[in-house]
């Protein structure tokens, strides 16, 4: 198997293990990664970390697979196999890069070492948070081969960095180093080479410590209210946040009233 899951309490680390291909994504890996994240979302785990073994996050869609699609009939069959369901409420199947069409209910942190390029960049953009090693990098490297972004890159990239910067990165296909990724919003934390997984897992455990109903409600509101009119967005926040307060927040306020967590102390909550 090219995908493995390692668990540590409420944190799952989902590992793409195809280092001989720099973790480029073939059919089997895409399906396995998709299945792993569907399993994570249905589990009792709170946070997932996505990491590529062998020093590469993901070098993109396997171009050896892409080369087999030069025949129009083969290409049409591949597209049909990956079509979105007619029912808009149905769970979409895997994209070329696996889980990039899934809209999970829980956070995913990308732990990025080495290249996250072409479709691998799209996979990184799918994550909620990205932790990059100092020598890691992104880039629309598929530009040189005439391969388009088809796993959410044209949707998520401008939402993170703005339309102009997204166009510049996508159309030039240039390398975007970790320091620049952090500066423009493509990475939330940059760490020493080799430390991305450990740093992402530490962040995941920190998030998992908190009452999860509120974590998931705020995550959902941040994602789903994007582009809504302000009044509609505020109502969405209020309607969905209230359930979390009822299920966990009122009890948490009671712990604070009893003396826990004073003066910004997050250790005893």
Protein backbone atom coordinates (compact mmCIF):
# COMPACT_ATOMS: atom_id res chain seq x y z
CA UNK A 1 0.00 0.00 0.00
CA UNK A 2 1.17 3.51 -0.79
CA UNK A 3 -0.87 5.18 1.97
CA UNK A 4 -0.52 4.47 5.68
CA UNK A 5 -2.21 5.86 8.78
CA UNK A 6 -0.38 6.35 12.07
CA UNK A 7 -2.45 7.37 15.08
CA UNK A 8 -1.54 9.24 18.25
CA UNK A 9 -4.65 9.71 20.36
CA UNK A 10 -6.92 12.21 18.60
CA UNK A 11 -4.39 12.91 15.82
CA UNK A 12 -4.02 10.83 12.67
CA UNK A 13 -0.98 11.20 10.42
CA UNK A 14 -1.85 10.07 6.92
CA UNK A 15 1.29 9.20 5.00
CA UNK A 16 1.69 9.05 1.23
CA UNK A 17 4.48 6.53 0.77
CA UNK A 18 5.65 6.50 -2.84
CA UNK A 19 9.11 8.06 -2.46
CA UNK A 20 10.56 6.47 -5.61
CA UNK A 21 8.17 8.71 -7.60
CA UNK A 22 8.57 11.70 -5.25
CA UNK A 23 5.03 10.88 -4.11
CA UNK A 24 3.53 11.65 -7.50
CA UNK A 25 -0.09 10.51 -7.54
CA UNK A 26 -1.21 7.52 -9.57
CA UNK A 27 -4.69 5.94 -9.58
CA UNK A 28 -4.09 3.60 -6.65
CA UNK A 29 -2.52 6.28 -4.45
CA UNK A 30 -5.30 8.73 -5.20
CA UNK A 31 -7.96 6.20 -4.24
CA UNK A 32 -6.11 5.12 -1.11
CA UNK A 33 -5.57 8.70 0.05
CA UNK A 34 -9.22 9.53 -0.61
CA UNK A 35 -10.37 6.48 1.37
CA UNK A 36 -8.06 7.38 4.26
CA UNK A 37 -9.58 10.85 4.60
CA UNK A 38 -13.15 9.55 4.33
CA UNK A 39 -12.24 7.14 7.14
CA UNK A 40 -10.70 9.99 9.17
CA UNK A 41 -13.78 12.17 8.84
CA UNK A 42 -16.02 9.33 10.05
CA UNK A 43 -13.72 8.45 12.97
CA UNK A 44 -13.39 9.79 16.50
CA UNK A 45 -10.10 11.50 15.60
CA UNK A 46 -9.98 15.30 15.80
CA UNK A 47 -7.17 16.46 13.48
CA UNK A 48 -5.27 14.89 10.58
CA UNK A 49 -1.76 15.58 9.33
CA UNK A 50 -0.89 14.82 5.70
CA UNK A 51 2.77 14.04 5.05
CA UNK A 52 4.78 12.51 2.21
CA UNK A 53 7.51 10.04 3.09
CA UNK A 54 10.99 10.39 1.62
CA UNK A 55 11.44 14.16 1.52
CA UNK A 56 8.74 15.08 -1.01
CA UNK A 57 5.20 16.16 -0.18
CA UNK A 58 3.88 15.42 -3.66
CA UNK A 59 5.34 15.99 -7.13
CA UNK A 60 1.87 16.16 -8.64
CA UNK A 61 -0.15 13.94 -10.94
CA UNK A 62 1.93 11.04 -12.20
CA UNK A 63 2.86 12.13 -15.73
CA UNK A 64 3.51 8.51 -16.69
CA UNK A 65 -0.20 7.99 -16.09
CA UNK A 66 -1.01 11.18 -17.98
CA UNK A 67 1.05 9.97 -20.93
CA UNK A 68 -1.26 6.95 -21.29
CA UNK A 69 -4.19 9.31 -21.95
CA UNK A 70 -3.00 10.64 -25.32
CA UNK A 71 -5.65 8.54 -27.03
CA UNK A 72 -8.91 10.55 -26.94
CA UNK A 73 -10.97 7.50 -25.96
CA UNK A 74 -8.65 6.72 -23.04
CA UNK A 75 -8.81 10.33 -21.93
CA UNK A 76 -12.62 10.44 -22.11
CA UNK A 77 -12.82 7.23 -20.10
CA UNK A 78 -10.53 8.69 -17.41
CA UNK A 79 -12.61 11.87 -17.24
CA UNK A 80 -15.81 9.83 -16.98
CA UNK A 81 -14.34 7.77 -14.13
CA UNK A 82 -13.66 11.00 -12.23
CA UNK A 83 -16.87 12.85 -13.04
CA UNK A 84 -18.74 14.68 -10.31
CA UNK A 85 -22.02 13.00 -9.31
CA UNK A 86 -25.23 14.44 -10.73
CA UNK A 87 -26.64 14.76 -7.21
CA UNK A 88 -25.03 17.92 -5.72
CA UNK A 89 -25.44 16.48 -2.21
CA UNK A 90 -23.70 13.19 -3.03
CA UNK A 91 -20.15 12.60 -1.84
CA UNK A 92 -17.84 13.19 -4.82
CA UNK A 93 -15.35 10.49 -5.64
CA UNK A 94 -11.60 11.04 -5.76
CA UNK A 95 -10.05 13.56 -8.08
CA UNK A 96 -6.77 12.92 -9.84
CA UNK A 97 -4.97 13.86 -6.60
CA UNK A 98 -7.34 11.91 -4.36
CA UNK A 99 -9.19 13.79 -1.59
CA UNK A 100 -9.17 17.28 -3.13
CA UNK A 101 -12.94 17.28 -3.75
CA UNK A 102 -13.82 16.30 -0.19
CA UNK A 103 -15.22 18.92 2.18
CA UNK A 104 -14.36 17.48 5.56
CA UNK A 105 -15.85 18.40 8.92
CA UNK A 106 -12.48 18.37 10.71
CA UNK A 107 -9.14 20.12 10.14
CA UNK A 108 -6.23 18.81 8.09
CA UNK A 109 -2.68 20.14 8.40
CA UNK A 110 -0.27 19.66 5.51
CA UNK A 111 3.31 18.85 6.58
CA UNK A 112 5.36 19.86 3.55
CA UNK A 113 8.92 18.79 2.90
CA UNK A 114 10.50 19.23 -0.52
CA UNK A 115 8.26 19.76 -3.54
CA UNK A 116 4.53 20.40 -3.40
CA UNK A 117 4.21 21.17 -7.07
CA UNK A 118 1.58 20.98 -9.83
CA UNK A 119 -1.17 18.74 -8.45
CA UNK A 120 0.87 18.39 -5.26
CA UNK A 121 0.42 22.12 -4.75
CA UNK A 122 -3.32 21.64 -5.23
CA UNK A 123 -3.24 18.92 -2.57
CA UNK A 124 -1.42 21.29 -0.22
CA UNK A 125 -3.97 24.05 -0.90
CA UNK A 126 -6.75 21.61 0.02
CA UNK A 127 -5.33 21.35 3.54
CA UNK A 128 -6.64 23.82 6.12
CA UNK A 129 -3.17 24.79 7.34
CA UNK A 130 0.26 24.28 5.79
CA UNK A 131 3.52 23.80 7.73
CA UNK A 132 6.50 24.00 5.37
CA UNK A 133 10.16 23.19 5.79
CA UNK A 134 12.48 26.09 4.95
CA UNK A 135 13.71 24.33 1.81
CA UNK A 136 10.27 23.17 0.65
CA UNK A 137 8.56 24.84 -2.28
CA UNK A 138 5.41 25.05 -4.36
CA UNK A 139 4.78 25.88 -8.00
CA UNK A 140 2.50 25.16 -10.93
CA UNK A 141 5.19 23.05 -12.59
CA UNK A 142 2.61 21.36 -14.82
CA UNK A 143 2.56 24.63 -16.81
CA UNK A 144 5.56 23.43 -18.84
CA UNK A 145 3.75 20.27 -19.98
CA UNK A 146 0.38 21.75 -20.90
CA UNK A 147 -1.39 20.15 -17.92
CA UNK A 148 -4.08 22.30 -16.31
CA UNK A 149 -4.97 22.67 -12.66
CA UNK A 150 -7.93 20.33 -12.13
CA UNK A 151 -7.87 19.57 -8.40
CA UNK A 152 -8.98 22.89 -6.97
CA UNK A 153 -5.93 25.00 -7.74
CA UNK A 154 -7.77 27.65 -9.72
CA UNK A 155 -10.38 27.86 -6.94
CA UNK A 156 -8.26 27.79 -3.78
CA UNK A 157 -5.11 29.63 -4.90
CA UNK A 158 -6.81 33.03 -5.52
CA UNK A 159 -8.79 32.66 -2.29
CA UNK A 160 -5.52 32.43 -0.39
CA UNK A 161 -3.32 34.95 -2.22
CA UNK A 162 -5.66 37.11 -4.33
CA UNK A 163 -6.42 37.00 -8.03
CA UNK A 164 -3.39 38.88 -9.35
CA UNK A 165 -0.81 36.87 -7.42
CA UNK A 166 -2.64 33.63 -8.26
CA UNK A 167 -2.51 34.48 -11.95
CA UNK A 168 1.19 35.34 -11.77
CA UNK A 169 2.04 32.07 -10.00
CA UNK A 170 -0.18 29.92 -12.20
CA UNK A 171 0.73 31.44 -15.55
CA UNK A 172 4.50 31.60 -15.03
CA UNK A 173 4.75 28.19 -13.36
CA UNK A 174 7.68 29.47 -11.32
CA UNK A 175 9.06 28.07 -8.08
CA UNK A 176 7.56 29.58 -4.92
CA UNK A 177 9.93 29.02 -2.00
CA UNK A 178 8.70 28.47 1.55
CA UNK A 179 9.58 31.98 2.77
CA UNK A 180 7.50 33.53 -0.01
CA UNK A 181 4.69 31.05 0.60
CA UNK A 182 4.52 32.23 4.20
CA UNK A 183 4.65 35.89 3.17
CA UNK A 184 1.75 35.63 0.71
CA UNK A 185 -0.49 33.22 2.63
CA UNK A 186 0.35 29.85 1.11
CA UNK A 187 1.98 28.63 4.33
CA UNK A 188 1.10 29.40 7.93
CA UNK A 189 4.37 28.23 9.50
CA UNK A 190 7.91 27.60 8.25
CA UNK A 191 10.23 25.30 10.20
CA UNK A 192 13.69 23.79 9.86
CA UNK A 193 14.21 21.15 7.17
CA UNK A 194 13.05 17.76 8.38
CA UNK A 195 10.79 19.22 11.08
CA UNK A 196 7.55 19.73 9.14
CA UNK A 197 5.87 16.53 10.30
CA UNK A 198 6.75 16.99 13.97
CA UNK A 199 5.67 20.64 13.92
CA UNK A 200 2.40 19.80 12.17
CA UNK A 201 1.67 17.00 14.62
CA UNK A 202 2.42 19.28 17.59
CA UNK A 203 -0.03 21.85 16.18
CA UNK A 204 -2.60 19.10 15.60
CA UNK A 205 -2.36 17.96 19.22
CA UNK A 206 -2.75 21.56 20.39
CA UNK A 207 -5.93 21.94 18.34
CA UNK A 208 -7.20 18.55 19.50
CA UNK A 209 -6.95 19.62 23.17
CA UNK A 210 -9.83 22.05 22.82
CA UNK A 211 -13.57 21.26 22.91
CA UNK A 212 -14.11 20.08 19.35
CA UNK A 213 -17.65 21.31 18.76
CA UNK A 214 -16.43 24.92 18.86
CA UNK A 215 -13.32 24.14 16.79
CA UNK A 216 -15.45 22.61 14.05
CA UNK A 217 -18.13 25.29 14.17
CA UNK A 218 -15.58 28.10 13.78
CA UNK A 219 -13.74 26.21 11.05
CA UNK A 220 -16.99 25.67 9.18
CA UNK A 221 -18.00 29.32 9.49
CA UNK A 222 -14.63 30.59 8.26
CA UNK A 223 -14.80 28.31 5.20
CA UNK A 224 -18.50 28.50 4.34
CA UNK A 225 -19.08 32.23 4.85
CA UNK A 226 -16.46 33.23 2.32
CA UNK A 227 -18.17 35.30 -0.35
CA UNK A 228 -21.47 35.59 1.52
CA UNK A 229 -23.02 39.00 2.12
CA UNK A 230 -22.09 40.18 5.62
CA UNK A 231 -25.57 39.80 7.10
CA UNK A 232 -25.97 36.28 5.72
CA UNK A 233 -22.50 35.35 6.99
CA UNK A 234 -23.21 36.71 10.46
CA UNK A 235 -26.41 34.71 10.61
CA UNK A 236 -24.56 31.56 9.52
CA UNK A 237 -21.99 32.12 12.27
CA UNK A 238 -24.68 32.69 14.90
CA UNK A 239 -26.87 29.75 13.90
CA UNK A 240 -24.08 27.17 13.80
CA UNK A 241 -22.02 28.53 16.69
CA UNK A 242 -24.94 28.36 19.08
CA UNK A 243 -25.08 24.57 18.91
CA UNK A 244 -21.45 24.34 19.99
CA UNK A 245 -22.04 26.63 22.97
CA UNK A 246 -25.01 24.54 24.03
CA UNK A 247 -23.14 21.24 23.76
CA UNK A 248 -19.75 22.28 25.19
CA UNK A 249 -19.29 26.03 25.58
CA UNK A 250 -21.56 26.61 28.56
CA UNK A 251 -19.80 23.83 30.48
CA UNK A 252 -16.44 25.37 29.54
CA UNK A 253 -17.57 28.74 30.86
CA UNK A 254 -18.47 26.96 34.08
CA UNK A 255 -14.91 25.64 34.38
CA UNK A 256 -13.57 29.16 33.89
CA UNK A 257 -15.95 30.49 36.53
CA UNK A 258 -14.61 27.83 38.89
CA UNK A 259 -11.04 29.09 38.38
CA UNK A 260 -9.61 27.22 35.37
CA UNK A 261 -7.63 28.90 32.60
CA UNK A 262 -7.19 32.35 34.15
CA UNK A 263 -4.69 34.93 32.83
CA UNK A 264 -4.35 33.29 29.42
CA UNK A 265 -3.34 29.89 30.83
CA UNK A 266 -4.20 27.26 28.20
CA UNK A 267 -2.59 24.36 30.05
CA UNK A 268 -5.33 23.61 32.56
CA UNK A 269 -8.58 23.88 30.66
